[in-house]
Amino acid sequence: MSEAPGGVRARLAALPPAVLQMVRFAIVGGLGTVTNLVLFFVLVDLGDLAPLPGAVVCFAVAVSQNYVLNELWTFAIRGEARLAPSRYAKFVAASLVGLAVNAAALAALISLYEFPLLVVPQAFGILAGMAVNFIASRQIVFRRS
């Protein structure tokens, strides 16, 4: 299947590298968010797990998924080892800061408002932590030497 001139691929290829990384990071983050929210809904809303421990479990699953996708696609660096344990550790550490932002937003929203489903404030918490995660990933975890 060929693509018309000026199609999506051509437009993406024309983006500055940092913007392209941000788009890819957002796509990976979106997939991680879906994973997180579905798992959170199952564990917390259906399974009666408390919201904050539920968020931690969901974080562990989503952060591992996001690391693999970001390593292999978003920040792919040719010639470097892939799925390096040291980068995974840095990614997890940077993501823990994002988790702290997520948890703070989740706790604040739960204390201020009543939600019919707790997955709603969790979604806002994820958005709050995403900016922190992108900056840390770009500047620390996947920084090119």
Protein backbone atom coordinates (compact mmCIF):
# COMPACT_ATOMS: atom_id res chain seq x y z
CA MET A 1 0.00 0.00 0.00
CA SER A 2 1.54 3.30 -1.04
CA GLU A 3 0.94 6.54 0.69
CA ALA A 4 -0.09 9.77 -0.97
CA PRO A 5 2.46 12.61 -0.94
CA GLY A 6 2.07 14.66 2.20
CA GLY A 7 0.59 11.67 4.05
CA VAL A 8 1.04 10.85 7.71
CA ARG A 9 4.46 9.22 7.29
CA ALA A 10 5.81 12.16 5.32
CA ARG A 11 4.48 14.62 7.89
CA LEU A 12 5.98 12.65 10.76
CA ALA A 13 9.33 12.37 8.99
CA ALA A 14 9.38 16.15 8.55
CA LEU A 15 9.02 16.79 12.30
CA PRO A 16 12.07 17.83 14.33
CA PRO A 17 13.51 14.81 16.20
CA ALA A 18 12.40 16.07 19.64
CA VAL A 19 8.83 16.55 18.44
CA LEU A 20 8.78 13.12 16.80
CA GLN A 21 10.04 11.62 20.07
CA MET A 22 7.30 13.45 21.96
CA VAL A 23 4.66 12.08 19.57
CA ARG A 24 6.03 8.55 19.92
CA PHE A 25 6.32 8.97 23.71
CA ALA A 26 2.69 10.07 23.82
CA ILE A 27 1.61 7.04 21.78
CA VAL A 28 3.57 4.69 24.06
CA GLY A 29 2.20 6.55 27.07
CA GLY A 30 -1.30 6.20 25.67
CA LEU A 31 -0.86 2.45 25.40
CA GLY A 32 0.56 2.38 28.93
CA THR A 33 -2.38 4.47 30.11
CA VAL A 34 -4.86 2.03 28.60
CA THR A 35 -3.02 -0.85 30.27
CA ASN A 36 -2.95 1.07 33.57
CA LEU A 37 -6.59 2.11 33.50
CA VAL A 38 -7.97 -1.28 32.47
CA LEU A 39 -5.93 -3.01 35.16
CA PHE A 40 -6.89 -0.31 37.71
CA PHE A 41 -10.58 -0.74 36.86
CA VAL A 42 -10.34 -4.50 37.30
CA LEU A 43 -8.33 -4.36 40.54
CA VAL A 44 -9.97 -1.34 42.23
CA ASP A 45 -13.44 -0.78 40.83
CA LEU A 46 -14.29 -4.46 40.35
CA GLY A 47 -11.89 -6.14 42.76
CA ASP A 48 -12.12 -3.82 45.78
CA LEU A 49 -8.36 -3.20 46.06
CA ALA A 50 -7.64 0.16 47.70
CA PRO A 51 -6.90 2.93 45.13
CA LEU A 52 -3.31 3.76 46.07
CA PRO A 53 -2.01 0.16 46.23
CA GLY A 54 -3.93 -0.44 43.00
CA ALA A 55 -2.13 2.48 41.39
CA VAL A 56 1.22 1.02 42.44
CA VAL A 57 0.44 -2.39 40.92
CA CYS A 58 -0.75 -0.74 37.72
CA PHE A 59 2.39 1.40 37.66
CA ALA A 60 4.64 -1.66 37.84
CA VAL A 61 2.96 -3.28 34.86
CA ALA A 62 2.68 -0.12 32.75
CA VAL A 63 6.24 1.12 33.47
CA SER A 64 7.73 -2.14 32.24
CA GLN A 65 5.61 -2.06 29.08
CA ASN A 66 6.51 1.60 28.49
CA TYR A 67 10.24 1.02 28.99
CA VAL A 68 10.33 -1.72 26.36
CA LEU A 69 8.36 0.32 23.81
CA ASN A 70 10.30 3.52 24.47
CA GLU A 71 13.64 1.71 24.29
CA LEU A 72 12.83 -0.07 21.04
CA TRP A 73 10.84 2.66 19.27
CA THR A 74 10.65 6.14 20.82
CA PHE A 75 14.30 6.61 21.77
CA ALA A 76 15.86 3.86 19.64
CA ILE A 77 19.60 4.43 19.38
CA ARG A 78 21.39 2.46 16.72
CA GLY A 79 24.49 0.59 17.82
CA GLU A 80 23.65 0.59 21.54
CA ALA A 81 22.52 -2.39 23.55
CA ARG A 82 18.78 -2.69 23.68
CA LEU A 83 16.77 -3.33 26.81
CA ALA A 84 19.78 -2.51 28.98
CA PRO A 85 19.24 -3.17 32.70
CA SER A 86 20.91 0.15 33.58
CA ARG A 87 18.50 2.13 31.39
CA TYR A 88 15.57 0.14 32.74
CA ALA A 89 16.64 1.06 36.29
CA LYS A 90 16.93 4.74 35.31
CA PHE A 91 13.56 4.60 33.57
CA VAL A 92 11.92 3.06 36.62
CA ALA A 93 13.56 5.67 38.90
CA ALA A 94 12.42 8.53 36.67
CA SER A 95 8.97 6.99 36.43
CA LEU A 96 8.75 6.79 40.22
CA VAL A 97 8.85 10.58 40.26
CA GLY A 98 5.97 10.52 37.81
CA LEU A 99 4.21 7.99 40.04
CA ALA A 100 4.60 10.35 43.00
CA VAL A 101 2.95 13.11 40.97
CA ASN A 102 0.25 10.63 39.88
CA ALA A 103 -0.39 9.47 43.47
CA ALA A 104 -0.50 13.04 44.80
CA ALA A 105 -3.03 14.06 42.16
CA LEU A 106 -5.08 10.90 42.76
CA ALA A 107 -5.11 11.42 46.54
CA ALA A 108 -5.97 15.11 46.20
CA LEU A 109 -8.83 14.49 43.79
CA ILE A 110 -10.26 11.66 45.91
CA SER A 111 -10.15 13.85 49.00
CA LEU A 112 -11.79 16.81 47.25
CA TYR A 113 -14.47 15.12 45.14
CA GLU A 114 -16.63 12.03 45.02
CA PHE A 115 -16.25 10.01 41.84
CA PRO A 116 -18.61 7.23 40.76
CA LEU A 117 -15.56 5.41 39.37
CA LEU A 118 -12.09 5.94 40.83
CA VAL A 119 -10.53 5.32 37.44
CA VAL A 120 -11.44 8.96 36.56
CA PRO A 121 -9.08 10.65 39.06
CA GLN A 122 -6.47 8.01 38.23
CA ALA A 123 -6.58 9.17 34.60
CA PHE A 124 -5.89 12.75 35.72
CA GLY A 125 -3.02 11.53 37.86
CA ILE A 126 -1.47 9.76 34.90
CA LEU A 127 -1.65 12.93 32.80
CA ALA A 128 0.01 14.92 35.57
CA GLY A 129 2.95 12.51 35.71
CA MET A 130 3.41 12.22 31.93
CA ALA A 131 5.25 15.52 31.45
CA VAL A 132 7.69 14.64 34.21
CA ASN A 133 8.31 11.24 32.64
CA PHE A 134 8.98 12.64 29.15
CA ILE A 135 11.49 15.22 30.36
CA ALA A 136 13.31 12.69 32.53
CA SER A 137 13.31 10.09 29.77
CA ARG A 138 14.66 12.48 27.17
CA GLN A 139 17.22 14.23 29.39
CA ILE A 140 18.41 11.37 31.60
CA VAL A 141 17.36 7.86 30.64
CA PHE A 142 17.73 7.85 26.85
CA ARG A 143 20.12 10.79 26.51
CA ARG A 144 22.52 10.35 23.65
CA SER A 145 26.19 10.56 24.56
